[in-house]
Amino acid sequence: MAEKITISERLEAELRFDAFNVSNHWNPGQPGDTNVSNPSDTQVGVINQNNSQNSARILQISGRITF
């Protein structure tokens, strides 16, 4: 969403709002360790996020003045 505002003949301002992954769905990765032969291993079958940067909710506000 962007809004342009004309301040004068040669001066313009733009305000912009961007949202990425607004619903914030969790993107699971593959199970970390599939070797079940070691019973003391606590990481067997644990599913972690693929990439925490891409699965996070990101809100961004920016502004620009053009003259």
PDB file of N, CA and C in Angstrom:
ATOM      1  N   MET A   1       0.845  -1.157   0.000  1.00  0.00           N
ATOM      2  CA  MET A   1       0.000   0.000   0.000  1.00  0.00           C
ATOM      3  C   MET A   1       0.900   1.232   0.000  1.00  0.00           C
ATOM      4  N   ALA A   2       0.656   2.152  -0.906  1.00  0.00           N
ATOM      5  CA  ALA A   2       1.472   3.362  -1.003  1.00  0.00           C
ATOM      6  C   ALA A   2       0.572   4.578  -1.171  1.00  0.00           C
ATOM      7  N   GLU A   3       1.024   5.687  -0.635  1.00  0.00           N
ATOM      8  CA  GLU A   3       0.290   6.950  -0.734  1.00  0.00           C
ATOM      9  C   GLU A   3       1.255   8.038  -1.176  1.00  0.00           C
ATOM     10  N   LYS A   4       0.947   8.697  -2.312  1.00  0.00           N
ATOM     11  CA  LYS A   4       1.768   9.804  -2.805  1.00  0.00           C
ATOM     12  C   LYS A   4       1.098  11.120  -2.458  1.00  0.00           C
ATOM     13  N   ILE A   5       1.884  12.041  -1.938  1.00  0.00           N
ATOM     14  CA  ILE A   5       1.383  13.354  -1.546  1.00  0.00           C
ATOM     15  C   ILE A   5       2.222  14.406  -2.263  1.00  0.00           C
ATOM     16  N   THR A   6       1.565  15.303  -3.010  1.00  0.00           N
ATOM     17  CA  THR A   6       2.257  16.404  -3.669  1.00  0.00           C
ATOM     18  C   THR A   6       2.297  17.581  -2.705  1.00  0.00           C
ATOM     19  N   ILE A   7       3.512  17.976  -2.329  1.00  0.00           N
ATOM     20  CA  ILE A   7       3.690  19.072  -1.378  1.00  0.00           C
ATOM     21  C   ILE A   7       3.753  20.407  -2.119  1.00  0.00           C
ATOM     22  N   SER A   8       4.524  20.459  -3.189  1.00  0.00           N
ATOM     23  CA  SER A   8       4.582  21.640  -4.048  1.00  0.00           C
ATOM     24  C   SER A   8       4.788  21.152  -5.474  1.00  0.00           C
ATOM     25  N   GLU A   9       5.044  22.099  -6.378  1.00  0.00           N
ATOM     26  CA  GLU A   9       5.188  21.743  -7.791  1.00  0.00           C
ATOM     27  C   GLU A   9       6.334  20.751  -8.026  1.00  0.00           C
ATOM     28  N   ARG A  10       7.427  20.900  -7.282  1.00  0.00           N
ATOM     29  CA  ARG A  10       8.602  20.049  -7.490  1.00  0.00           C
ATOM     30  C   ARG A  10       8.900  19.126  -6.316  1.00  0.00           C
ATOM     31  N   LEU A  11       8.032  19.059  -5.334  1.00  0.00           N
ATOM     32  CA  LEU A  11       8.292  18.272  -4.123  1.00  0.00           C
ATOM     33  C   LEU A  11       7.159  17.282  -3.892  1.00  0.00           C
ATOM     34  N   GLU A  12       7.522  15.992  -3.790  1.00  0.00           N
ATOM     35  CA  GLU A  12       6.549  14.927  -3.580  1.00  0.00           C
ATOM     36  C   GLU A  12       7.010  14.032  -2.445  1.00  0.00           C
ATOM     37  N   ALA A  13       6.073  13.515  -1.673  1.00  0.00           N
ATOM     38  CA  ALA A  13       6.391  12.570  -0.604  1.00  0.00           C
ATOM     39  C   ALA A  13       5.603  11.287  -0.836  1.00  0.00           C
ATOM     40  N   GLU A  14       6.218  10.158  -0.535  1.00  0.00           N
ATOM     41  CA  GLU A  14       5.551   8.865  -0.677  1.00  0.00           C
ATOM     42  C   GLU A  14       5.722   8.087   0.622  1.00  0.00           C
ATOM     43  N   LEU A  15       4.632   7.561   1.137  1.00  0.00           N
ATOM     44  CA  LEU A  15       4.637   6.735   2.331  1.00  0.00           C
ATOM     45  C   LEU A  15       4.160   5.353   1.926  1.00  0.00           C
ATOM     46  N   ARG A  16       4.916   4.327   2.307  1.00  0.00           N
ATOM     47  CA  ARG A  16       4.624   2.962   1.855  1.00  0.00           C
ATOM     48  C   ARG A  16       4.612   2.005   3.034  1.00  0.00           C
ATOM     49  N   PHE A  17       3.672   1.056   3.024  1.00  0.00           N
ATOM     50  CA  PHE A  17       3.554   0.033   4.047  1.00  0.00           C
ATOM     51  C   PHE A  17       3.511  -1.326   3.359  1.00  0.00           C
ATOM     52  N   ASP A  18       4.416  -2.236   3.732  1.00  0.00           N
ATOM     53  CA  ASP A  18       4.476  -3.581   3.161  1.00  0.00           C
ATOM     54  C   ASP A  18       4.372  -4.608   4.283  1.00  0.00           C
ATOM     55  N   ALA A  19       3.697  -5.714   4.002  1.00  0.00           N
ATOM     56  CA  ALA A  19       3.562  -6.802   4.973  1.00  0.00           C
ATOM     57  C   ALA A  19       3.855  -8.120   4.259  1.00  0.00           C
ATOM     58  N   PHE A  20       4.712  -8.938   4.854  1.00  0.00           N
ATOM     59  CA  PHE A  20       5.085 -10.238   4.304  1.00  0.00           C
ATOM     60  C   PHE A  20       4.713 -11.328   5.314  1.00  0.00           C
ATOM     61  N   ASN A  21       4.111 -12.400   4.839  1.00  0.00           N
ATOM     62  CA  ASN A  21       3.690 -13.534   5.663  1.00  0.00           C
ATOM     63  C   ASN A  21       2.796 -13.066   6.814  1.00  0.00           C
ATOM     64  N   VAL A  22       1.754 -12.319   6.484  1.00  0.00           N
ATOM     65  CA  VAL A  22       0.864 -11.738   7.487  1.00  0.00           C
ATOM     66  C   VAL A  22       0.172 -12.821   8.307  1.00  0.00           C
ATOM     67  N   SER A  23      -0.212 -13.917   7.689  1.00  0.00           N
ATOM     68  CA  SER A  23      -0.888 -14.985   8.422  1.00  0.00           C
ATOM     69  C   SER A  23       0.075 -15.763   9.312  1.00  0.00           C
ATOM     70  N   ASN A  24       1.382 -15.582   9.101  1.00  0.00           N
ATOM     71  CA  ASN A  24       2.446 -16.160   9.928  1.00  0.00           C
ATOM     72  C   ASN A  24       2.326 -17.672  10.061  1.00  0.00           C
ATOM     73  N   HIS A  25       2.184 -18.351   8.941  1.00  0.00           N
ATOM     74  CA  HIS A  25       2.166 -19.817   8.954  1.00  0.00           C
ATOM     75  C   HIS A  25       3.566 -20.350   9.223  1.00  0.00           C
ATOM     76  N   TRP A  26       3.635 -21.380  10.043  1.00  0.00           N
ATOM     77  CA  TRP A  26       4.908 -22.024  10.341  1.00  0.00           C
ATOM     78  C   TRP A  26       5.272 -22.945   9.184  1.00  0.00           C
ATOM     79  N   ASN A  27       6.493 -22.819   8.666  1.00  0.00           N
ATOM     80  CA  ASN A  27       6.965 -23.639   7.560  1.00  0.00           C
ATOM     81  C   ASN A  27       7.918 -24.697   8.105  1.00  0.00           C
ATOM     82  N   PRO A  28       7.418 -25.907   8.390  1.00  0.00           N
ATOM     83  CA  PRO A  28       8.277 -26.917   9.006  1.00  0.00           C
ATOM     84  C   PRO A  28       9.302 -27.472   8.035  1.00  0.00           C
ATOM     85  N   GLY A  29      10.426 -27.891   8.579  1.00  0.00           N
ATOM     86  CA  GLY A  29      11.467 -28.522   7.794  1.00  0.00           C
ATOM     87  C   GLY A  29      11.379 -30.036   7.933  1.00  0.00           C
ATOM     88  N   GLN A  30      12.418 -30.712   7.535  1.00  0.00           N
ATOM     89  CA  GLN A  30      12.491 -32.163   7.647  1.00  0.00           C
ATOM     90  C   GLN A  30      12.959 -32.549   9.051  1.00  0.00           C
ATOM     91  N   PRO A  31      12.628 -33.754   9.508  1.00  0.00           N
ATOM     92  CA  PRO A  31      13.147 -34.199  10.813  1.00  0.00           C
ATOM     93  C   PRO A  31      14.665 -34.176  10.821  1.00  0.00           C
ATOM     94  N   GLY A  32      15.231 -33.703  11.936  1.00  0.00           N
ATOM     95  CA  GLY A  32      16.674 -33.530  12.032  1.00  0.00           C
ATOM     96  C   GLY A  32      17.461 -34.823  12.007  1.00  0.00           C
ATOM     97  N   ASP A  33      17.144 -35.781  12.869  1.00  0.00           N
ATOM     98  CA  ASP A  33      17.913 -37.014  12.974  1.00  0.00           C
ATOM     99  C   ASP A  33      16.948 -38.181  12.835  1.00  0.00           C
ATOM    100  N   THR A  34      17.188 -39.056  11.877  1.00  0.00           N
ATOM    101  CA  THR A  34      16.296 -40.197  11.663  1.00  0.00           C
ATOM    102  C   THR A  34      16.907 -41.506  12.128  1.00  0.00           C
ATOM    103  N   ASN A  35      18.063 -41.459  12.762  1.00  0.00           N
ATOM    104  CA  ASN A  35      18.723 -42.664  13.262  1.00  0.00           C
ATOM    105  C   ASN A  35      18.151 -42.997  14.641  1.00  0.00           C
ATOM    106  N   VAL A  36      17.335 -44.051  14.714  1.00  0.00           N
ATOM    107  CA  VAL A  36      16.685 -44.419  15.970  1.00  0.00           C
ATOM    108  C   VAL A  36      17.451 -45.479  16.757  1.00  0.00           C
ATOM    109  N   SER A  37      18.671 -45.818  16.347  1.00  0.00           N
ATOM    110  CA  SER A  37      19.427 -46.873  17.023  1.00  0.00           C
ATOM    111  C   SER A  37      19.988 -46.422  18.371  1.00  0.00           C
ATOM    112  N   ASN A  38      20.120 -45.133  18.605  1.00  0.00           N
ATOM    113  CA  ASN A  38      20.638 -44.620  19.875  1.00  0.00           C
ATOM    114  C   ASN A  38      19.465 -44.119  20.720  1.00  0.00           C
ATOM    115  N   PRO A  39      19.050 -44.856  21.768  1.00  0.00           N
ATOM    116  CA  PRO A  39      17.873 -44.459  22.544  1.00  0.00           C
ATOM    117  C   PRO A  39      18.076 -43.206  23.391  1.00  0.00           C
ATOM    118  N   SER A  40      19.314 -42.786  23.636  1.00  0.00           N
ATOM    119  CA  SER A  40      19.548 -41.586  24.445  1.00  0.00           C
ATOM    120  C   SER A  40      19.584 -40.315  23.604  1.00  0.00           C
ATOM    121  N   ASP A  41      19.461 -40.436  22.285  1.00  0.00           N
ATOM    122  CA  ASP A  41      19.465 -39.276  21.399  1.00  0.00           C
ATOM    123  C   ASP A  41      18.119 -38.578  21.476  1.00  0.00           C
ATOM    124  N   THR A  42      18.081 -37.330  21.937  1.00  0.00           N
ATOM    125  CA  THR A  42      16.817 -36.598  22.100  1.00  0.00           C
ATOM    126  C   THR A  42      16.408 -35.843  20.845  1.00  0.00           C
ATOM    127  N   GLN A  43      17.213 -35.867  19.787  1.00  0.00           N
ATOM    128  CA  GLN A  43      16.903 -35.121  18.572  1.00  0.00           C
ATOM    129  C   GLN A  43      16.244 -35.983  17.498  1.00  0.00           C
ATOM    130  N   VAL A  44      15.939 -37.242  17.793  1.00  0.00           N
ATOM    131  CA  VAL A  44      15.329 -38.125  16.802  1.00  0.00           C
ATOM    132  C   VAL A  44      13.900 -37.656  16.532  1.00  0.00           C
ATOM    133  N   GLY A  45      13.610 -37.365  15.281  1.00  0.00           N
ATOM    134  CA  GLY A  45      12.267 -36.979  14.875  1.00  0.00           C
ATOM    135  C   GLY A  45      11.889 -35.541  15.184  1.00  0.00           C
ATOM    136  N   VAL A  46      12.793 -34.729  15.703  1.00  0.00           N
ATOM    137  CA  VAL A  46      12.490 -33.331  16.007  1.00  0.00           C
ATOM    138  C   VAL A  46      12.422 -32.545  14.706  1.00  0.00           C
ATOM    139  N   ILE A  47      11.330 -31.813  14.522  1.00  0.00           N
ATOM    140  CA  ILE A  47      11.153 -31.013  13.308  1.00  0.00           C
ATOM    141  C   ILE A  47      11.411 -29.555  13.658  1.00  0.00           C
ATOM    142  N   ASN A  48      12.368 -28.947  12.980  1.00  0.00           N
ATOM    143  CA  ASN A  48      12.726 -27.547  13.190  1.00  0.00           C
ATOM    144  C   ASN A  48      12.224 -26.714  12.020  1.00  0.00           C
ATOM    145  N   GLN A  49      12.252 -25.396  12.176  1.00  0.00           N
ATOM    146  CA  GLN A  49      11.874 -24.505  11.085  1.00  0.00           C
ATOM    147  C   GLN A  49      12.898 -24.603   9.961  1.00  0.00           C
ATOM    148  N   ASN A  50      12.411 -24.417   8.733  1.00  0.00           N
ATOM    149  CA  ASN A  50      13.302 -24.383   7.576  1.00  0.00           C
ATOM    150  C   ASN A  50      14.271 -23.220   7.677  1.00  0.00           C
ATOM    151  N   ASN A  51      13.724 -22.029   7.770  1.00  0.00           N
ATOM    152  CA  ASN A  51      14.522 -20.814   7.812  1.00  0.00           C
ATOM    153  C   ASN A  51      13.738 -19.789   8.620  1.00  0.00           C
ATOM    154  N   SER A  52      14.259 -19.382   9.754  1.00  0.00           N
ATOM    155  CA  SER A  52      13.509 -18.482  10.624  1.00  0.00           C
ATOM    156  C   SER A  52      13.289 -17.107   9.984  1.00  0.00           C
ATOM    157  N   GLN A  53      14.145 -16.675   9.069  1.00  0.00           N
ATOM    158  CA  GLN A  53      13.954 -15.387   8.410  1.00  0.00           C
ATOM    159  C   GLN A  53      12.746 -15.429   7.477  1.00  0.00           C
ATOM    160  N   ASN A  54      12.546 -16.543   6.762  1.00  0.00           N
ATOM    161  CA  ASN A  54      11.461 -16.618   5.791  1.00  0.00           C
ATOM    162  C   ASN A  54      10.125 -16.992   6.409  1.00  0.00           C
ATOM    163  N   SER A  55      10.108 -17.484   7.639  1.00  0.00           N
ATOM    164  CA  SER A  55       8.844 -17.887   8.231  1.00  0.00           C
ATOM    165  C   SER A  55       8.336 -16.876   9.248  1.00  0.00           C
ATOM    166  N   ALA A  56       9.041 -15.796   9.444  1.00  0.00           N
ATOM    167  CA  ALA A  56       8.615 -14.786  10.413  1.00  0.00           C
ATOM    168  C   ALA A  56       7.683 -13.772   9.755  1.00  0.00           C
ATOM    169  N   ARG A  57       6.851 -13.132  10.557  1.00  0.00           N
ATOM    170  CA  ARG A  57       5.990 -12.055  10.068  1.00  0.00           C
ATOM    171  C   ARG A  57       6.851 -10.802   9.953  1.00  0.00           C
ATOM    172  N   ILE A  58       6.810 -10.157   8.805  1.00  0.00           N
ATOM    173  CA  ILE A  58       7.633  -8.973   8.564  1.00  0.00           C
ATOM    174  C   ILE A  58       6.718  -7.816   8.162  1.00  0.00           C
ATOM    175  N   LEU A  59       6.782  -6.722   8.921  1.00  0.00           N
ATOM    176  CA  LEU A  59       6.053  -5.498   8.607  1.00  0.00           C
ATOM    177  C   LEU A  59       7.077  -4.402   8.344  1.00  0.00           C
ATOM    178  N   GLN A  60       6.859  -3.628   7.286  1.00  0.00           N
ATOM    179  CA  GLN A  60       7.858  -2.648   6.865  1.00  0.00           C
ATOM    180  C   GLN A  60       7.173  -1.341   6.492  1.00  0.00           C
ATOM    181  N   ILE A  61       7.684  -0.232   7.019  1.00  0.00           N
ATOM    182  CA  ILE A  61       7.181   1.101   6.665  1.00  0.00           C
ATOM    183  C   ILE A  61       8.346   1.884   6.081  1.00  0.00           C
ATOM    184  N   SER A  62       8.110   2.538   4.952  1.00  0.00           N
ATOM    185  CA  SER A  62       9.170   3.333   4.340  1.00  0.00           C
ATOM    186  C   SER A  62       8.599   4.647   3.819  1.00  0.00           C
ATOM    187  N   GLY A  63       9.469   5.616   3.686  1.00  0.00           N
ATOM    188  CA  GLY A  63       9.078   6.912   3.170  1.00  0.00           C
ATOM    189  C   GLY A  63      10.111   7.434   2.197  1.00  0.00           C
ATOM    190  N   ARG A  64       9.649   8.263   1.252  1.00  0.00           N
ATOM    191  CA  ARG A  64      10.569   8.807   0.253  1.00  0.00           C
ATOM    192  C   ARG A  64      10.123  10.205  -0.117  1.00  0.00           C
ATOM    193  N   ILE A  65      11.077  11.099  -0.205  1.00  0.00           N
ATOM    194  CA  ILE A  65      10.808  12.470  -0.629  1.00  0.00           C
ATOM    195  C   ILE A  65      11.523  12.680  -1.951  1.00  0.00           C
ATOM    196  N   THR A  66      10.794  13.129  -2.958  1.00  0.00           N
ATOM    197  CA  THR A  66      11.346  13.367  -4.296  1.00  0.00           C
ATOM    198  C   THR A  66      11.272  14.853  -4.593  1.00  0.00           C
ATOM    199  N   PHE A  67      12.418  15.415  -5.036  1.00  0.00           N
ATOM    200  CA  PHE A  67      12.433  16.834  -5.394  1.00  0.00           C
ATOM    201  C   PHE A  67      13.188  17.053  -6.674  1.00  0.00           C
TER     202      PHE A  67
END
